[in-house]
Amino acid sequence: MLTELASVLGGLVTGVGGVCAAGLLSRRKRRADAVQVLTQAAAQMVEPLSRQIAAMTAELEAHRRVVADSEQRCRLAATQHTSWDVVVRSSLLNLGVDVPPPPPMPDDRSGPQHQVDPRP
């Protein structure tokens, strides 16, 4: 009888231990599955955002080039305008027309009204 009771108790302890172990493993598996789902969702969100950032970066670089070209043309035009102002004023003064000097052109050190970040 004692042997039978020991067998039953041993089977009971083994069964409960097995159920506990299975429960722990099942819980770990559910956590791993949840982590995998979250990782996949994040990866799916990151890829389109990365493409969008790359496109916006390229667009920004193109805009910076356009602004730099425009500023260069303005500096060249300002230099030509200053020279033209001096020639026209001298010509008018030689004809007896009193013309005040042209207003000063802003120099390059003051910079444009807007600042463009030169960093890439």
C-alpha atoms as a PDB file:
ATOM      1  CA  MET A   1       0.000   0.000   0.000  1.00  0.00           C
ATOM      2  CA  LEU A   2       2.805   2.335   0.809  1.00  0.00           C
ATOM      3  CA  THR A   3       4.341   1.685  -2.553  1.00  0.00           C
ATOM      4  CA  GLU A   4       1.115   2.484  -4.305  1.00  0.00           C
ATOM      5  CA  LEU A   5       0.750   5.706  -2.346  1.00  0.00           C
ATOM      6  CA  ALA A   6       4.318   6.685  -3.199  1.00  0.00           C
ATOM      7  CA  SER A   7       3.594   5.984  -6.871  1.00  0.00           C
ATOM      8  CA  VAL A   8       0.488   8.103  -6.819  1.00  0.00           C
ATOM      9  CA  LEU A   9       2.238  10.951  -5.013  1.00  0.00           C
ATOM     10  CA  GLY A  10       5.219  10.733  -7.369  1.00  0.00           C
ATOM     11  CA  GLY A  11       2.923  10.809 -10.382  1.00  0.00           C
ATOM     12  CA  LEU A  12       1.022  13.722  -8.925  1.00  0.00           C
ATOM     13  CA  VAL A  13       4.199  15.729  -8.235  1.00  0.00           C
ATOM     14  CA  THR A  14       5.548  14.907 -11.690  1.00  0.00           C
ATOM     15  CA  GLY A  15       2.268  15.917 -13.307  1.00  0.00           C
ATOM     16  CA  VAL A  16       2.075  19.213 -11.410  1.00  0.00           C
ATOM     17  CA  GLY A  17       5.760  19.906 -12.164  1.00  0.00           C
ATOM     18  CA  GLY A  18       5.175  19.160 -15.817  1.00  0.00           C
ATOM     19  CA  VAL A  19       2.166  21.472 -15.932  1.00  0.00           C
ATOM     20  CA  CYS A  20       4.172  24.255 -14.239  1.00  0.00           C
ATOM     21  CA  ALA A  21       7.090  23.793 -16.615  1.00  0.00           C
ATOM     22  CA  ALA A  22       4.754  23.770 -19.602  1.00  0.00           C
ATOM     23  CA  GLY A  23       3.068  26.923 -18.287  1.00  0.00           C
ATOM     24  CA  LEU A  24       6.408  28.714 -17.924  1.00  0.00           C
ATOM     25  CA  LEU A  25       7.556  27.643 -21.368  1.00  0.00           C
ATOM     26  CA  SER A  26       4.223  28.642 -22.854  1.00  0.00           C
ATOM     27  CA  ARG A  27       4.458  32.072 -21.190  1.00  0.00           C
ATOM     28  CA  ARG A  28       7.986  32.575 -22.518  1.00  0.00           C
ATOM     29  CA  LYS A  29       6.834  31.567 -25.980  1.00  0.00           C
ATOM     30  CA  ARG A  30       3.949  34.066 -25.854  1.00  0.00           C
ATOM     31  CA  ARG A  31       6.370  36.797 -24.806  1.00  0.00           C
ATOM     32  CA  ALA A  32       8.759  35.868 -27.602  1.00  0.00           C
ATOM     33  CA  ASP A  33       5.871  35.899 -30.079  1.00  0.00           C
ATOM     34  CA  ALA A  34       4.770  39.330 -28.823  1.00  0.00           C
ATOM     35  CA  VAL A  35       8.312  40.662 -29.145  1.00  0.00           C
ATOM     36  CA  GLN A  36       8.506  39.286 -32.668  1.00  0.00           C
ATOM     37  CA  VAL A  37       5.196  40.929 -33.627  1.00  0.00           C
ATOM     38  CA  LEU A  38       6.357  44.285 -32.209  1.00  0.00           C
ATOM     39  CA  THR A  39       9.710  43.994 -33.975  1.00  0.00           C
ATOM     40  CA  GLN A  40       8.041  43.264 -37.312  1.00  0.00           C
ATOM     41  CA  ALA A  41       5.615  46.163 -36.860  1.00  0.00           C
ATOM     42  CA  ALA A  42       8.481  48.537 -36.055  1.00  0.00           C
ATOM     43  CA  ALA A  43      10.464  47.327 -39.073  1.00  0.00           C
ATOM     44  CA  GLN A  44       7.464  47.887 -41.317  1.00  0.00           C
ATOM     45  CA  MET A  45       7.149  51.451 -40.024  1.00  0.00           C
ATOM     46  CA  VAL A  46      10.858  52.275 -40.200  1.00  0.00           C
ATOM     47  CA  GLU A  47      11.366  51.337 -43.848  1.00  0.00           C
ATOM     48  CA  PRO A  48       8.850  53.827 -45.345  1.00  0.00           C
ATOM     49  CA  LEU A  49      10.013  56.535 -42.947  1.00  0.00           C
ATOM     50  CA  SER A  50      13.626  55.945 -43.975  1.00  0.00           C
ATOM     51  CA  ARG A  51      12.663  56.287 -47.645  1.00  0.00           C
ATOM     52  CA  GLN A  52      10.716  59.461 -46.882  1.00  0.00           C
ATOM     53  CA  ILE A  53      13.650  60.961 -44.962  1.00  0.00           C
ATOM     54  CA  ALA A  54      16.028  60.103 -47.818  1.00  0.00           C
ATOM     55  CA  ALA A  55      13.688  61.768 -50.332  1.00  0.00           C
ATOM     56  CA  MET A  56      13.304  64.865 -48.162  1.00  0.00           C
ATOM     57  CA  THR A  57      17.076  65.061 -47.643  1.00  0.00           C
ATOM     58  CA  ALA A  58      17.625  64.931 -51.405  1.00  0.00           C
ATOM     59  CA  GLU A  59      14.978  67.623 -51.911  1.00  0.00           C
ATOM     60  CA  LEU A  60      16.595  69.802 -49.244  1.00  0.00           C
ATOM     61  CA  GLU A  61      20.010  69.441 -50.877  1.00  0.00           C
ATOM     62  CA  ALA A  62      18.525  70.442 -54.240  1.00  0.00           C
ATOM     63  CA  HIS A  63      16.890  73.461 -52.595  1.00  0.00           C
ATOM     64  CA  ARG A  64      20.195  74.448 -50.972  1.00  0.00           C
ATOM     65  CA  ARG A  65      21.909  74.318 -54.374  1.00  0.00           C
ATOM     66  CA  VAL A  66      19.176  76.502 -55.907  1.00  0.00           C
ATOM     67  CA  VAL A  67      19.483  79.029 -53.059  1.00  0.00           C
ATOM     68  CA  ALA A  68      23.286  79.087 -53.317  1.00  0.00           C
ATOM     69  CA  ASP A  69      23.084  79.638 -57.092  1.00  0.00           C
ATOM     70  CA  SER A  70      20.533  82.406 -56.606  1.00  0.00           C
ATOM     71  CA  GLU A  71      22.676  84.121 -53.980  1.00  0.00           C
ATOM     72  CA  GLN A  72      25.707  83.902 -56.274  1.00  0.00           C
ATOM     73  CA  ARG A  73      23.728  85.517 -59.113  1.00  0.00           C
ATOM     74  CA  CYS A  74      22.556  88.273 -56.735  1.00  0.00           C
ATOM     75  CA  ARG A  75      26.136  88.992 -55.647  1.00  0.00           C
ATOM     76  CA  LEU A  76      27.255  89.186 -59.282  1.00  0.00           C
ATOM     77  CA  ALA A  77      24.310  91.424 -60.206  1.00  0.00           C
ATOM     78  CA  ALA A  78      25.016  93.689 -57.223  1.00  0.00           C
ATOM     79  CA  THR A  79      28.644  94.102 -58.315  1.00  0.00           C
ATOM     80  CA  GLN A  80      27.591  94.901 -61.889  1.00  0.00           C
ATOM     81  CA  HIS A  81      24.887  97.272 -60.651  1.00  0.00           C
ATOM     82  CA  THR A  82      27.380  99.167 -58.480  1.00  0.00           C
ATOM     83  CA  SER A  83      29.739  99.609 -61.444  1.00  0.00           C
ATOM     84  CA  TRP A  84      26.853 100.736 -63.666  1.00  0.00           C
ATOM     85  CA  ASP A  85      25.675 103.224 -61.014  1.00  0.00           C
ATOM     86  CA  VAL A  86      29.119 104.852 -60.908  1.00  0.00           C
ATOM     87  CA  VAL A  87      29.350 105.097 -64.719  1.00  0.00           C
ATOM     88  CA  VAL A  88      25.836 106.553 -65.117  1.00  0.00           C
ATOM     89  CA  ARG A  89      26.319 109.052 -62.290  1.00  0.00           C
ATOM     90  CA  SER A  90      29.628 110.196 -63.783  1.00  0.00           C
ATOM     91  CA  SER A  91      28.005 110.579 -67.201  1.00  0.00           C
ATOM     92  CA  LEU A  92      25.126 112.604 -65.769  1.00  0.00           C
ATOM     93  CA  LEU A  93      27.491 114.801 -63.742  1.00  0.00           C
ATOM     94  CA  ASN A  94      29.507 115.462 -66.953  1.00  0.00           C
ATOM     95  CA  LEU A  95      26.273 116.586 -68.596  1.00  0.00           C
ATOM     96  CA  GLY A  96      25.632 118.993 -65.734  1.00  0.00           C
ATOM     97  CA  VAL A  97      22.930 116.966 -64.018  1.00  0.00           C
ATOM     98  CA  ASP A  98      23.459 116.899 -60.292  1.00  0.00           C
ATOM     99  CA  VAL A  99      22.695 113.350 -59.169  1.00  0.00           C
ATOM    100  CA  PRO A 100      23.258 112.128 -55.634  1.00  0.00           C
ATOM    101  CA  PRO A 101      25.452 109.076 -55.220  1.00  0.00           C
ATOM    102  CA  PRO A 102      23.666 105.758 -55.439  1.00  0.00           C
ATOM    103  CA  PRO A 103      22.709 104.127 -52.173  1.00  0.00           C
ATOM    104  CA  PRO A 104      25.252 101.670 -50.885  1.00  0.00           C
ATOM    105  CA  MET A 105      24.775  98.032 -51.734  1.00  0.00           C
ATOM    106  CA  PRO A 106      24.796  95.681 -48.755  1.00  0.00           C
ATOM    107  CA  ASP A 107      28.150  93.983 -48.602  1.00  0.00           C
ATOM    108  CA  ASP A 108      28.575  90.224 -48.387  1.00  0.00           C
ATOM    109  CA  ARG A 109      29.572  90.336 -44.733  1.00  0.00           C
ATOM    110  CA  SER A 110      26.084  91.373 -43.680  1.00  0.00           C
ATOM    111  CA  GLY A 111      24.773  88.283 -45.445  1.00  0.00           C
ATOM    112  CA  PRO A 112      21.355  87.722 -46.967  1.00  0.00           C
ATOM    113  CA  GLN A 113      18.180  88.440 -45.040  1.00  0.00           C
ATOM    114  CA  HIS A 114      17.773  84.709 -44.533  1.00  0.00           C
ATOM    115  CA  GLN A 115      20.500  82.334 -43.473  1.00  0.00           C
ATOM    116  CA  VAL A 116      20.851  78.964 -45.127  1.00  0.00           C
ATOM    117  CA  ASP A 117      22.469  76.268 -43.072  1.00  0.00           C
ATOM    118  CA  PRO A 118      25.578  75.270 -45.082  1.00  0.00           C
ATOM    119  CA  ARG A 119      25.767  71.858 -43.459  1.00  0.00           C
ATOM    120  CA  PRO A 120      24.808  68.881 -45.613  1.00  0.00           C
END
